[in-house]
N, C-alpha and C. Protein backbone atom coordinates (compact mmCIF):
# COMPACT_ATOMS: atom_id res chain seq x y z
N UNK A 1 -7.47 -41.50 -14.57
CA UNK A 1 -7.99 -42.89 -14.46
C UNK A 1 -6.82 -43.80 -14.73
N UNK A 2 -6.76 -44.77 -13.92
CA UNK A 2 -5.65 -45.83 -13.96
C UNK A 2 -5.75 -46.51 -15.40
N UNK A 3 -4.58 -46.68 -15.97
CA UNK A 3 -4.51 -47.32 -17.29
C UNK A 3 -5.06 -48.73 -17.31
N UNK A 4 -4.91 -49.43 -16.20
CA UNK A 4 -5.40 -50.82 -16.14
C UNK A 4 -6.92 -50.74 -16.14
N UNK A 5 -7.56 -49.85 -15.44
CA UNK A 5 -8.98 -49.73 -15.40
C UNK A 5 -9.48 -49.34 -16.78
N UNK A 6 -8.87 -48.43 -17.48
CA UNK A 6 -9.27 -48.09 -18.76
C UNK A 6 -9.18 -49.36 -19.78
N UNK A 7 -8.16 -50.10 -19.54
CA UNK A 7 -8.00 -51.27 -20.42
C UNK A 7 -9.13 -52.20 -20.20
N UNK A 8 -9.46 -52.49 -18.94
CA UNK A 8 -10.59 -53.49 -18.62
C UNK A 8 -11.89 -52.92 -19.14
N UNK A 9 -12.10 -51.62 -19.02
CA UNK A 9 -13.42 -50.97 -19.46
C UNK A 9 -13.52 -51.03 -20.97
N UNK A 10 -12.41 -51.05 -21.67
CA UNK A 10 -12.43 -51.11 -23.15
C UNK A 10 -13.17 -52.37 -23.66
N UNK A 11 -13.21 -53.39 -22.78
CA UNK A 11 -13.90 -54.66 -23.17
C UNK A 11 -15.40 -54.63 -22.90
N UNK A 12 -15.88 -53.47 -22.16
CA UNK A 12 -17.25 -53.37 -21.88
C UNK A 12 -17.52 -53.00 -20.44
N UNK A 13 -18.71 -52.51 -20.12
CA UNK A 13 -19.03 -52.18 -18.80
C UNK A 13 -19.36 -53.36 -17.91
N UNK A 14 -19.74 -54.50 -18.54
CA UNK A 14 -19.92 -55.74 -17.83
C UNK A 14 -19.27 -56.89 -18.66
N UNK A 15 -18.25 -57.51 -18.12
CA UNK A 15 -17.63 -58.61 -18.85
C UNK A 15 -17.69 -59.87 -18.07
N UNK A 16 -18.23 -60.88 -18.66
CA UNK A 16 -18.37 -62.27 -18.04
C UNK A 16 -17.00 -62.94 -18.13
N UNK A 17 -16.56 -63.50 -17.04
CA UNK A 17 -15.34 -64.27 -16.99
C UNK A 17 -15.57 -65.71 -16.98
N UNK A 18 -14.65 -66.51 -17.36
CA UNK A 18 -14.74 -68.01 -17.31
C UNK A 18 -14.30 -68.56 -15.89
N UNK A 19 -14.83 -67.84 -14.91
CA UNK A 19 -14.68 -68.30 -13.55
C UNK A 19 -16.10 -68.42 -13.01
N UNK A 20 -16.40 -69.52 -12.38
CA UNK A 20 -17.77 -69.73 -11.85
C UNK A 20 -17.71 -70.39 -10.53
N UNK A 21 -18.53 -69.93 -9.62
CA UNK A 21 -18.64 -70.49 -8.21
C UNK A 21 -19.68 -71.63 -8.27
N UNK A 22 -19.31 -72.79 -7.83
CA UNK A 22 -20.24 -73.92 -7.81
C UNK A 22 -20.89 -74.00 -6.40
N UNK A 23 -21.95 -74.77 -6.38
CA UNK A 23 -22.67 -75.09 -5.14
C UNK A 23 -23.08 -73.74 -4.48
N UNK A 24 -23.59 -72.86 -5.17
CA UNK A 24 -23.94 -71.55 -4.60
C UNK A 24 -25.05 -71.76 -3.47
N UNK A 25 -26.02 -72.52 -3.69
CA UNK A 25 -27.10 -72.64 -2.75
C UNK A 25 -26.59 -73.22 -1.40
N UNK A 26 -25.71 -74.16 -1.44
CA UNK A 26 -25.16 -74.76 -0.20
C UNK A 26 -24.25 -73.78 0.43
N UNK A 27 -23.51 -72.95 -0.34
CA UNK A 27 -22.65 -71.95 0.21
C UNK A 27 -23.55 -70.90 1.01
N UNK A 28 -24.60 -70.47 0.42
CA UNK A 28 -25.46 -69.46 1.08
C UNK A 28 -26.08 -70.07 2.33
N UNK A 29 -26.56 -71.28 2.24
CA UNK A 29 -27.15 -71.94 3.46
C UNK A 29 -26.06 -72.06 4.55
N UNK A 30 -24.83 -72.35 4.20
CA UNK A 30 -23.73 -72.45 5.14
C UNK A 30 -23.42 -71.06 5.87
N UNK A 31 -23.49 -69.97 5.04
CA UNK A 31 -23.30 -68.69 5.60
C UNK A 31 -24.45 -68.29 6.62
N UNK A 32 -25.60 -68.60 6.19
CA UNK A 32 -26.84 -68.18 7.10
C UNK A 32 -26.79 -69.09 8.32
N UNK A 33 -26.33 -70.26 8.32
CA UNK A 33 -26.35 -71.19 9.45
C UNK A 33 -25.22 -70.86 10.45
N UNK A 34 -24.07 -70.46 9.86
CA UNK A 34 -22.84 -70.31 10.71
C UNK A 34 -22.43 -68.89 11.08
N UNK A 35 -23.01 -67.90 10.48
CA UNK A 35 -22.54 -66.53 10.64
C UNK A 35 -23.81 -65.56 10.71
N UNK A 36 -23.54 -64.36 11.27
CA UNK A 36 -24.61 -63.36 11.32
C UNK A 36 -24.34 -62.21 10.37
N UNK A 37 -25.28 -62.10 9.42
CA UNK A 37 -25.17 -60.87 8.51
C UNK A 37 -25.43 -59.62 9.33
N UNK A 38 -24.67 -58.64 9.13
CA UNK A 38 -24.83 -57.35 9.95
C UNK A 38 -25.25 -56.14 8.89
N UNK A 39 -25.78 -55.17 9.54
CA UNK A 39 -26.36 -54.06 8.75
C UNK A 39 -25.26 -53.38 7.88
N UNK A 40 -25.58 -53.17 6.61
CA UNK A 40 -24.66 -52.49 5.71
C UNK A 40 -24.88 -51.06 5.78
N UNK A 41 -23.90 -50.21 6.13
CA UNK A 41 -24.03 -48.81 6.37
C UNK A 41 -25.18 -48.53 7.38
N UNK A 42 -24.90 -48.77 8.64
CA UNK A 42 -26.07 -48.68 9.61
C UNK A 42 -26.72 -47.28 9.73
N UNK A 43 -26.03 -46.24 9.16
CA UNK A 43 -26.65 -44.96 9.27
C UNK A 43 -27.96 -44.83 8.40
N UNK A 44 -28.08 -45.67 7.40
CA UNK A 44 -29.16 -45.70 6.49
C UNK A 44 -30.24 -46.69 6.83
N UNK A 45 -31.46 -46.33 6.93
CA UNK A 45 -32.52 -47.20 7.24
C UNK A 45 -33.06 -47.88 5.94
N UNK A 46 -32.17 -48.76 5.36
CA UNK A 46 -32.39 -49.45 4.14
C UNK A 46 -32.20 -50.96 4.37
N UNK A 47 -32.96 -51.79 3.81
CA UNK A 47 -32.95 -53.24 3.98
C UNK A 47 -31.66 -53.87 3.34
N UNK A 48 -30.51 -53.61 3.93
CA UNK A 48 -29.28 -54.11 3.33
C UNK A 48 -28.41 -54.65 4.38
N UNK A 49 -27.79 -55.82 4.17
CA UNK A 49 -26.99 -56.52 5.09
C UNK A 49 -25.74 -57.07 4.37
N UNK A 50 -24.69 -57.33 5.16
CA UNK A 50 -23.50 -57.87 4.59
C UNK A 50 -22.80 -58.86 5.46
N UNK A 51 -21.85 -59.58 4.85
CA UNK A 51 -21.02 -60.56 5.57
C UNK A 51 -19.62 -60.46 4.98
N UNK A 52 -18.66 -60.09 5.83
CA UNK A 52 -17.35 -59.77 5.37
C UNK A 52 -16.59 -61.09 4.95
N UNK A 53 -15.93 -60.95 3.82
CA UNK A 53 -15.02 -62.05 3.36
C UNK A 53 -13.57 -61.58 3.67
N UNK A 54 -13.33 -60.27 3.62
CA UNK A 54 -12.11 -59.66 4.19
C UNK A 54 -12.49 -58.60 5.13
N UNK A 55 -11.68 -58.21 6.06
CA UNK A 55 -11.87 -57.18 6.97
C UNK A 55 -10.49 -56.66 7.50
N UNK A 56 -10.56 -55.69 8.44
CA UNK A 56 -9.30 -55.17 8.91
C UNK A 56 -8.48 -56.22 9.70
N UNK A 57 -9.23 -57.02 10.58
CA UNK A 57 -8.63 -57.91 11.47
C UNK A 57 -9.06 -59.34 11.32
N UNK A 58 -9.81 -59.60 10.30
CA UNK A 58 -10.32 -61.03 10.17
C UNK A 58 -11.57 -61.26 10.90
N UNK A 59 -12.13 -60.21 11.48
CA UNK A 59 -13.42 -60.33 12.24
C UNK A 59 -14.63 -60.11 11.35
N UNK A 60 -15.82 -60.23 11.94
CA UNK A 60 -17.05 -60.22 11.22
C UNK A 60 -18.00 -59.12 11.78
N UNK A 61 -17.46 -58.13 12.44
CA UNK A 61 -18.28 -57.04 13.03
C UNK A 61 -18.91 -56.15 11.91
N UNK A 62 -18.16 -56.13 10.72
CA UNK A 62 -18.66 -55.17 9.68
C UNK A 62 -18.14 -53.74 9.94
N UNK A 63 -17.45 -53.46 11.01
CA UNK A 63 -16.98 -52.18 11.31
C UNK A 63 -15.43 -52.09 11.11
N UNK A 64 -15.03 -51.21 10.20
CA UNK A 64 -15.86 -50.34 9.26
C UNK A 64 -16.06 -50.87 7.88
N UNK A 65 -15.70 -52.13 7.64
CA UNK A 65 -15.71 -52.64 6.24
C UNK A 65 -16.97 -52.70 5.57
N UNK A 66 -18.11 -52.77 6.37
CA UNK A 66 -19.47 -52.77 5.77
C UNK A 66 -20.14 -51.41 6.00
N UNK A 67 -19.35 -50.43 6.26
CA UNK A 67 -19.88 -49.05 6.44
C UNK A 67 -19.47 -48.29 5.19
N UNK A 68 -20.02 -47.06 5.07
CA UNK A 68 -19.54 -46.14 4.11
C UNK A 68 -18.19 -45.68 4.53
N UNK A 69 -17.13 -46.00 3.82
CA UNK A 69 -15.75 -45.60 4.28
C UNK A 69 -15.64 -44.06 4.31
N UNK A 70 -16.25 -43.40 3.38
CA UNK A 70 -16.15 -41.94 3.37
C UNK A 70 -16.74 -41.39 4.53
N UNK A 71 -17.99 -41.82 4.98
CA UNK A 71 -18.61 -41.29 6.15
C UNK A 71 -17.93 -41.73 7.43
N UNK A 72 -17.50 -42.98 7.47
CA UNK A 72 -16.77 -43.44 8.63
C UNK A 72 -15.44 -42.64 8.83
N UNK A 73 -14.80 -42.44 7.77
CA UNK A 73 -13.49 -41.66 7.89
C UNK A 73 -13.69 -40.27 8.35
N UNK A 74 -14.69 -39.65 7.92
CA UNK A 74 -15.01 -38.31 8.41
C UNK A 74 -15.36 -38.24 9.93
N UNK A 75 -16.24 -39.20 10.24
CA UNK A 75 -16.67 -39.19 11.70
C UNK A 75 -15.60 -39.54 12.67
N UNK A 76 -14.64 -40.38 12.16
CA UNK A 76 -13.62 -40.90 13.13
C UNK A 76 -12.20 -40.37 12.84
N UNK A 77 -12.11 -39.48 11.91
CA UNK A 77 -10.85 -38.75 11.52
C UNK A 77 -9.76 -39.93 11.20
N UNK A 78 -10.18 -40.80 10.35
CA UNK A 78 -9.23 -41.82 9.85
C UNK A 78 -9.23 -41.76 8.31
N UNK A 79 -8.39 -42.62 7.73
CA UNK A 79 -8.23 -42.56 6.26
C UNK A 79 -8.27 -44.00 5.66
N UNK A 80 -9.27 -44.78 6.05
CA UNK A 80 -9.31 -46.19 5.53
C UNK A 80 -9.68 -46.10 4.08
N UNK A 81 -9.00 -47.02 3.33
CA UNK A 81 -9.29 -47.15 1.92
C UNK A 81 -9.58 -48.63 1.63
N UNK A 82 -10.02 -48.97 0.42
CA UNK A 82 -10.29 -50.37 0.05
C UNK A 82 -9.12 -51.30 0.32
N UNK A 83 -7.88 -50.83 0.11
CA UNK A 83 -6.70 -51.70 0.22
C UNK A 83 -6.37 -51.99 1.67
N UNK A 84 -7.01 -51.33 2.66
CA UNK A 84 -6.70 -51.65 4.08
C UNK A 84 -7.39 -52.95 4.57
N UNK A 85 -8.32 -53.49 3.75
CA UNK A 85 -9.12 -54.64 4.19
C UNK A 85 -8.75 -55.89 3.51
N UNK A 86 -7.63 -56.54 3.99
CA UNK A 86 -7.03 -57.64 3.22
C UNK A 86 -6.92 -58.96 4.04
N UNK A 87 -7.40 -58.89 5.26
CA UNK A 87 -7.33 -60.10 6.22
C UNK A 87 -8.67 -60.86 5.95
N UNK A 88 -8.41 -62.11 5.58
CA UNK A 88 -9.57 -63.01 5.22
C UNK A 88 -10.27 -63.42 6.50
N UNK A 89 -11.60 -63.48 6.44
CA UNK A 89 -12.45 -63.94 7.51
C UNK A 89 -12.70 -65.41 7.43
N UNK A 90 -13.40 -66.05 8.43
CA UNK A 90 -13.75 -67.46 8.27
C UNK A 90 -14.72 -67.71 7.12
N UNK A 91 -15.38 -66.70 6.63
CA UNK A 91 -16.39 -66.91 5.51
C UNK A 91 -15.55 -67.34 4.25
N UNK A 92 -14.31 -66.88 4.11
CA UNK A 92 -13.47 -67.26 3.01
C UNK A 92 -13.05 -68.65 2.91
N UNK A 93 -13.31 -69.41 4.00
CA UNK A 93 -12.83 -70.86 4.09
C UNK A 93 -13.57 -71.76 3.24
N UNK A 94 -14.80 -71.38 2.81
CA UNK A 94 -15.59 -72.35 2.06
C UNK A 94 -14.96 -72.69 0.73
N UNK A 95 -14.92 -73.99 0.41
CA UNK A 95 -14.22 -74.44 -0.81
C UNK A 95 -14.81 -73.81 -2.07
N UNK A 96 -16.12 -73.61 -2.12
CA UNK A 96 -16.71 -73.05 -3.34
C UNK A 96 -16.25 -71.65 -3.54
N UNK A 97 -16.12 -70.90 -2.50
CA UNK A 97 -15.58 -69.49 -2.59
C UNK A 97 -14.18 -69.54 -2.93
N UNK A 98 -13.35 -70.37 -2.34
CA UNK A 98 -11.89 -70.40 -2.50
C UNK A 98 -11.54 -70.71 -4.00
N UNK A 99 -12.45 -71.47 -4.65
CA UNK A 99 -12.13 -71.81 -6.02
C UNK A 99 -12.06 -70.65 -6.95
N UNK A 100 -12.79 -69.55 -6.61
CA UNK A 100 -12.76 -68.41 -7.45
C UNK A 100 -11.86 -67.31 -6.89
N UNK A 101 -11.63 -67.33 -5.56
CA UNK A 101 -10.75 -66.23 -4.96
C UNK A 101 -9.27 -66.65 -5.07
N UNK A 102 -8.90 -67.90 -5.03
CA UNK A 102 -7.52 -68.31 -4.92
C UNK A 102 -6.62 -67.72 -6.00
N UNK A 103 -7.09 -67.68 -7.31
CA UNK A 103 -6.21 -67.15 -8.31
C UNK A 103 -5.84 -65.68 -8.08
N UNK A 104 -6.67 -64.93 -7.33
CA UNK A 104 -6.37 -63.46 -7.18
C UNK A 104 -6.25 -63.15 -5.71
N UNK A 105 -5.97 -64.11 -4.85
CA UNK A 105 -6.10 -63.91 -3.39
C UNK A 105 -5.11 -62.86 -2.94
N UNK A 106 -3.99 -62.71 -3.56
CA UNK A 106 -2.96 -61.81 -3.16
C UNK A 106 -3.29 -60.33 -3.53
N UNK A 107 -4.26 -60.19 -4.38
CA UNK A 107 -4.66 -58.80 -4.88
C UNK A 107 -6.07 -58.38 -4.45
N UNK A 108 -6.65 -59.08 -3.42
CA UNK A 108 -8.02 -58.85 -2.98
C UNK A 108 -8.02 -57.82 -1.88
N UNK A 109 -8.86 -56.78 -2.02
CA UNK A 109 -9.05 -55.74 -1.01
C UNK A 109 -10.37 -56.03 -0.36
N UNK A 110 -11.15 -55.04 -0.03
CA UNK A 110 -12.35 -55.13 0.67
C UNK A 110 -13.38 -55.96 -0.08
N UNK A 111 -13.83 -57.07 0.54
CA UNK A 111 -14.66 -58.00 -0.19
C UNK A 111 -15.75 -58.53 0.74
N UNK A 112 -16.98 -58.70 0.30
CA UNK A 112 -18.05 -59.11 1.17
C UNK A 112 -19.21 -59.72 0.39
N UNK A 113 -20.07 -60.42 1.05
CA UNK A 113 -21.35 -60.84 0.55
C UNK A 113 -22.43 -59.77 0.83
N UNK A 114 -23.12 -59.37 -0.13
CA UNK A 114 -24.22 -58.36 0.04
C UNK A 114 -25.55 -59.08 0.01
N UNK A 115 -26.31 -58.83 1.10
CA UNK A 115 -27.69 -59.43 1.18
C UNK A 115 -28.67 -58.28 1.12
N UNK A 116 -29.33 -58.12 0.04
CA UNK A 116 -30.23 -57.00 -0.19
C UNK A 116 -31.64 -57.50 -0.01
N UNK A 117 -32.31 -57.10 1.12
CA UNK A 117 -33.65 -57.56 1.44
C UNK A 117 -34.74 -56.96 0.52
N UNK A 118 -35.97 -57.40 0.63
CA UNK A 118 -37.06 -56.86 -0.15
C UNK A 118 -37.14 -55.35 0.05
N UNK A 119 -37.14 -54.72 -1.09
CA UNK A 119 -37.17 -53.18 -1.06
C UNK A 119 -35.82 -52.58 -0.88
N UNK A 120 -34.79 -53.36 -0.65
CA UNK A 120 -33.50 -52.79 -0.42
C UNK A 120 -32.85 -52.31 -1.75
N UNK A 121 -32.06 -51.29 -1.59
CA UNK A 121 -31.48 -50.60 -2.79
C UNK A 121 -30.23 -49.92 -2.46
N UNK A 122 -29.42 -49.66 -3.58
CA UNK A 122 -28.36 -48.70 -3.63
C UNK A 122 -28.79 -47.57 -4.53
N UNK A 123 -28.87 -46.37 -4.11
CA UNK A 123 -29.25 -45.27 -5.07
C UNK A 123 -28.18 -45.04 -6.06
N UNK A 124 -28.50 -44.24 -7.16
CA UNK A 124 -27.44 -44.06 -8.18
C UNK A 124 -26.20 -43.38 -7.54
N UNK A 125 -25.02 -43.99 -7.89
CA UNK A 125 -23.76 -43.51 -7.33
C UNK A 125 -22.59 -44.02 -8.19
N UNK A 126 -21.43 -43.51 -7.92
CA UNK A 126 -20.21 -43.95 -8.55
C UNK A 126 -19.32 -44.48 -7.43
N UNK A 127 -18.51 -45.55 -7.70
CA UNK A 127 -17.73 -46.07 -6.61
C UNK A 127 -16.38 -45.46 -6.43
N UNK A 128 -16.03 -44.54 -7.41
CA UNK A 128 -14.69 -43.97 -7.31
C UNK A 128 -14.89 -42.44 -7.33
N UNK A 129 -14.15 -41.77 -6.37
CA UNK A 129 -14.19 -40.32 -6.23
C UNK A 129 -12.84 -39.63 -6.39
N UNK A 130 -11.85 -40.45 -7.00
CA UNK A 130 -10.57 -39.88 -7.14
C UNK A 130 -10.16 -39.83 -8.66
N UNK A 131 -9.22 -39.10 -8.98
CA UNK A 131 -8.77 -39.03 -10.40
C UNK A 131 -8.02 -40.28 -10.81
N UNK A 132 -7.44 -40.97 -9.82
CA UNK A 132 -6.73 -42.26 -10.07
C UNK A 132 -7.44 -43.40 -9.47
N UNK A 133 -7.81 -44.42 -10.31
CA UNK A 133 -8.53 -45.59 -9.82
C UNK A 133 -7.56 -46.73 -9.68
N UNK A 134 -7.39 -47.16 -8.40
CA UNK A 134 -6.29 -48.26 -8.19
C UNK A 134 -6.91 -49.60 -7.88
N UNK A 135 -8.27 -49.75 -8.00
CA UNK A 135 -8.88 -51.04 -7.80
C UNK A 135 -10.00 -51.17 -8.79
N UNK A 136 -10.55 -52.45 -8.89
CA UNK A 136 -11.72 -52.67 -9.77
C UNK A 136 -12.61 -53.58 -9.03
N UNK A 137 -13.90 -53.60 -9.53
CA UNK A 137 -14.89 -54.44 -8.91
C UNK A 137 -15.19 -55.62 -9.72
N UNK A 138 -15.08 -56.77 -9.06
CA UNK A 138 -15.66 -58.07 -9.64
C UNK A 138 -16.87 -58.39 -8.85
N UNK A 139 -17.91 -58.86 -9.55
CA UNK A 139 -19.23 -59.18 -8.89
C UNK A 139 -19.65 -60.58 -9.22
N UNK A 140 -20.11 -61.28 -8.23
CA UNK A 140 -20.68 -62.65 -8.38
C UNK A 140 -22.08 -62.68 -7.94
N UNK A 141 -23.11 -62.81 -8.86
CA UNK A 141 -24.46 -62.93 -8.45
C UNK A 141 -24.80 -64.26 -7.89
N UNK A 142 -25.40 -64.37 -6.77
CA UNK A 142 -25.65 -65.66 -6.10
C UNK A 142 -27.09 -66.07 -6.11
N UNK A 143 -28.04 -65.21 -5.85
CA UNK A 143 -29.44 -65.59 -5.76
C UNK A 143 -30.32 -64.37 -5.98
N UNK A 144 -31.35 -64.54 -6.83
CA UNK A 144 -32.38 -63.51 -7.03
C UNK A 144 -31.70 -62.19 -7.49
N UNK A 145 -31.33 -62.18 -8.74
CA UNK A 145 -30.48 -61.14 -9.19
C UNK A 145 -30.89 -60.54 -10.58
N UNK A 146 -31.79 -61.14 -11.26
CA UNK A 146 -32.12 -60.67 -12.63
C UNK A 146 -33.39 -59.93 -12.69
N UNK A 147 -33.63 -59.03 -13.73
CA UNK A 147 -34.89 -58.36 -13.90
C UNK A 147 -36.02 -59.38 -14.27
N UNK A 148 -37.27 -59.04 -14.13
CA UNK A 148 -37.72 -57.75 -13.71
C UNK A 148 -37.75 -57.42 -12.21
N UNK A 149 -37.52 -58.47 -11.40
CA UNK A 149 -37.59 -58.28 -9.93
C UNK A 149 -36.50 -57.59 -9.32
N UNK A 150 -35.28 -57.83 -9.79
CA UNK A 150 -34.09 -57.20 -9.32
C UNK A 150 -33.36 -56.55 -10.43
N UNK A 151 -33.04 -55.25 -10.29
CA UNK A 151 -32.48 -54.50 -11.40
C UNK A 151 -31.11 -53.93 -10.94
N UNK A 152 -30.12 -54.29 -11.57
CA UNK A 152 -28.78 -53.68 -11.49
C UNK A 152 -28.58 -52.86 -12.76
N UNK A 153 -28.46 -51.58 -12.64
CA UNK A 153 -28.44 -50.68 -13.78
C UNK A 153 -27.19 -49.91 -13.79
N UNK A 154 -26.50 -49.90 -15.00
CA UNK A 154 -25.38 -48.97 -15.24
C UNK A 154 -25.93 -47.91 -16.27
N UNK A 155 -25.92 -46.68 -15.84
CA UNK A 155 -26.50 -45.54 -16.60
C UNK A 155 -27.93 -45.94 -17.04
N UNK A 156 -28.12 -46.28 -18.28
CA UNK A 156 -29.44 -46.57 -18.80
C UNK A 156 -29.64 -48.09 -19.17
N UNK A 157 -28.71 -48.89 -18.79
CA UNK A 157 -28.68 -50.32 -19.21
C UNK A 157 -28.89 -51.24 -18.00
N UNK A 158 -29.95 -52.07 -18.08
CA UNK A 158 -30.22 -53.09 -17.05
C UNK A 158 -29.36 -54.37 -17.43
N UNK A 159 -28.62 -54.79 -16.44
CA UNK A 159 -27.65 -55.89 -16.61
C UNK A 159 -28.36 -57.19 -16.31
N UNK A 160 -27.93 -58.34 -17.05
CA UNK A 160 -28.43 -59.59 -16.85
C UNK A 160 -27.16 -60.49 -16.38
N UNK A 161 -27.45 -61.51 -15.63
CA UNK A 161 -26.43 -62.25 -14.97
C UNK A 161 -26.65 -63.80 -15.01
N UNK A 162 -25.62 -64.51 -14.80
CA UNK A 162 -25.68 -66.06 -14.69
C UNK A 162 -25.22 -66.32 -13.23
N UNK A 163 -25.94 -67.11 -12.54
CA UNK A 163 -25.66 -67.46 -11.15
C UNK A 163 -24.23 -68.03 -10.97
N UNK A 164 -23.43 -67.47 -10.01
CA UNK A 164 -22.18 -67.95 -9.73
C UNK A 164 -21.10 -67.53 -10.62
N UNK A 165 -21.35 -66.90 -11.74
CA UNK A 165 -20.35 -66.46 -12.66
C UNK A 165 -19.66 -65.16 -12.15
N UNK A 166 -18.43 -65.01 -12.44
CA UNK A 166 -17.67 -63.87 -12.00
C UNK A 166 -17.69 -62.87 -13.12
N UNK A 167 -17.94 -61.53 -12.79
CA UNK A 167 -18.00 -60.49 -13.81
C UNK A 167 -17.16 -59.30 -13.40
N UNK A 168 -16.47 -58.76 -14.39
CA UNK A 168 -15.87 -57.41 -14.18
C UNK A 168 -17.06 -56.40 -14.47
N UNK A 169 -17.20 -55.43 -13.62
CA UNK A 169 -18.14 -54.42 -13.84
C UNK A 169 -17.56 -52.98 -13.64
N UNK A 170 -17.85 -52.14 -14.57
CA UNK A 170 -17.31 -50.78 -14.56
C UNK A 170 -18.20 -49.89 -13.59
N UNK A 171 -17.89 -50.00 -12.34
CA UNK A 171 -18.65 -49.21 -11.37
C UNK A 171 -18.16 -47.80 -11.19
N UNK A 172 -17.26 -47.39 -12.07
CA UNK A 172 -16.95 -45.95 -12.12
C UNK A 172 -18.05 -45.13 -12.73
N UNK A 173 -18.88 -45.86 -13.57
CA UNK A 173 -20.09 -45.27 -14.19
C UNK A 173 -21.20 -45.18 -13.17
N UNK A 174 -22.13 -44.30 -13.41
CA UNK A 174 -23.30 -44.16 -12.52
C UNK A 174 -24.07 -45.49 -12.58
N UNK A 175 -24.39 -46.06 -11.39
CA UNK A 175 -25.15 -47.30 -11.32
C UNK A 175 -25.96 -47.33 -10.11
N UNK A 176 -26.96 -48.26 -10.11
CA UNK A 176 -27.78 -48.51 -8.93
C UNK A 176 -28.33 -49.85 -8.98
N UNK A 177 -28.78 -50.29 -7.73
CA UNK A 177 -29.33 -51.68 -7.57
C UNK A 177 -30.61 -51.57 -6.79
N UNK A 178 -31.67 -52.31 -7.21
CA UNK A 178 -32.94 -52.30 -6.45
C UNK A 178 -33.57 -53.71 -6.49
N UNK A 179 -33.95 -54.18 -5.25
CA UNK A 179 -34.64 -55.40 -5.11
C UNK A 179 -36.11 -55.23 -4.94
N UNK A 180 -36.88 -55.43 -6.00
CA UNK A 180 -38.33 -55.18 -6.00
C UNK A 180 -39.09 -56.47 -5.71
N UNK A 181 -38.46 -57.52 -5.22
CA UNK A 181 -39.08 -58.80 -4.86
C UNK A 181 -39.38 -58.96 -3.39
N UNK A 182 -39.97 -60.06 -3.06
CA UNK A 182 -40.27 -60.37 -1.59
C UNK A 182 -39.24 -61.26 -0.99
N UNK A 183 -38.14 -61.53 -1.76
CA UNK A 183 -36.98 -62.39 -1.31
C UNK A 183 -35.73 -61.68 -1.26
N UNK A 184 -34.80 -62.22 -0.51
CA UNK A 184 -33.46 -61.60 -0.47
C UNK A 184 -32.72 -61.79 -1.76
N UNK A 185 -31.92 -60.79 -2.08
CA UNK A 185 -31.01 -60.89 -3.21
C UNK A 185 -29.55 -60.93 -2.75
N UNK A 186 -28.79 -61.91 -3.18
CA UNK A 186 -27.47 -62.08 -2.68
C UNK A 186 -26.36 -61.90 -3.78
N UNK A 187 -25.32 -61.19 -3.39
CA UNK A 187 -24.21 -60.96 -4.32
C UNK A 187 -22.92 -60.97 -3.55
N UNK A 188 -21.82 -61.32 -4.26
CA UNK A 188 -20.46 -61.11 -3.76
C UNK A 188 -19.85 -59.93 -4.50
N UNK A 189 -19.29 -59.01 -3.68
CA UNK A 189 -18.56 -57.77 -4.25
C UNK A 189 -17.10 -57.93 -3.92
N UNK A 190 -16.25 -58.02 -4.93
CA UNK A 190 -14.83 -58.17 -4.67
C UNK A 190 -14.15 -56.91 -5.22
N UNK A 191 -13.23 -56.32 -4.36
CA UNK A 191 -12.42 -55.25 -4.82
C UNK A 191 -11.05 -55.75 -5.08
N UNK A 192 -10.55 -55.53 -6.22
CA UNK A 192 -9.20 -56.11 -6.65
C UNK A 192 -8.22 -54.98 -6.86
N UNK A 193 -7.01 -55.17 -6.45
CA UNK A 193 -5.94 -54.25 -6.73
C UNK A 193 -5.65 -54.30 -8.24
N UNK A 194 -5.43 -53.12 -8.80
CA UNK A 194 -5.20 -53.02 -10.23
C UNK A 194 -3.73 -52.90 -10.54
N UNK A 195 -3.18 -53.93 -11.16
CA UNK A 195 -1.82 -53.95 -11.60
C UNK A 195 -1.76 -54.85 -12.79
N UNK A 196 -0.51 -55.04 -13.35
CA UNK A 196 -0.34 -55.86 -14.55
C UNK A 196 -0.88 -57.26 -14.39
N UNK A 197 -0.57 -57.87 -13.27
CA UNK A 197 -0.89 -59.28 -13.09
C UNK A 197 -2.52 -59.47 -13.00
N UNK A 198 -3.09 -58.61 -12.22
CA UNK A 198 -4.55 -58.67 -12.10
C UNK A 198 -5.26 -58.42 -13.41
N UNK A 199 -4.83 -57.36 -14.09
CA UNK A 199 -5.36 -56.96 -15.36
C UNK A 199 -5.22 -58.11 -16.38
N UNK A 200 -4.03 -58.69 -16.45
CA UNK A 200 -3.76 -59.72 -17.43
C UNK A 200 -4.62 -60.95 -17.10
N UNK A 201 -4.73 -61.25 -15.82
CA UNK A 201 -5.59 -62.42 -15.41
C UNK A 201 -7.04 -62.27 -15.78
N UNK A 202 -7.60 -61.07 -15.48
CA UNK A 202 -8.99 -60.81 -15.84
C UNK A 202 -9.26 -60.88 -17.31
N UNK A 203 -8.38 -60.25 -18.16
CA UNK A 203 -8.52 -60.32 -19.55
C UNK A 203 -8.37 -61.75 -20.08
N UNK A 204 -7.52 -62.55 -19.47
CA UNK A 204 -7.38 -63.91 -19.94
C UNK A 204 -8.55 -64.80 -19.67
N UNK A 205 -9.42 -64.34 -18.74
CA UNK A 205 -10.60 -65.11 -18.39
C UNK A 205 -11.86 -64.59 -19.08
N UNK A 206 -11.69 -63.54 -19.95
CA UNK A 206 -12.89 -63.00 -20.62
C UNK A 206 -13.33 -63.89 -21.68
């Protein structure tokens, strides 16, 4: 396990940062009006969609950045990793989003908006399958994200959130997400390169 990841996890599995995205509602309205959310991992018949904030080429097709990289790599005999998706898409241009991304923009890997429809879910899983963890997850809840309707669970703990706030989350632990409401649930999922500067910045904002 990367020493930086262990350091961040020592502060807790969910750590709130003093970074907060403003005008969340107008941002979401802007994305829905100007872009098309695409199916997240199209192999699975689950009500999940995404909108890329970074991708391979700055495009919004979602291929392969909104796919399961493990499955896509096997099927296409490639070796894409989180760190391959660093080109910002037009979605990143919104000022509200830039306010939270700019301090870490040089260390951002695969990043997207997740739109989890009614009944949509991610089953229990871990985000890392290697002995060395070279990135971490920052999550921003945007709309319809708290229990009892929407549950983000790490092991046996249901997490609670503040809209627009940036959180470090230890997704190396077993976790899952379920939308039990009749409305969409929106989140931003940021993958960050783990090095001294990123770790120091995250800790300074805790």
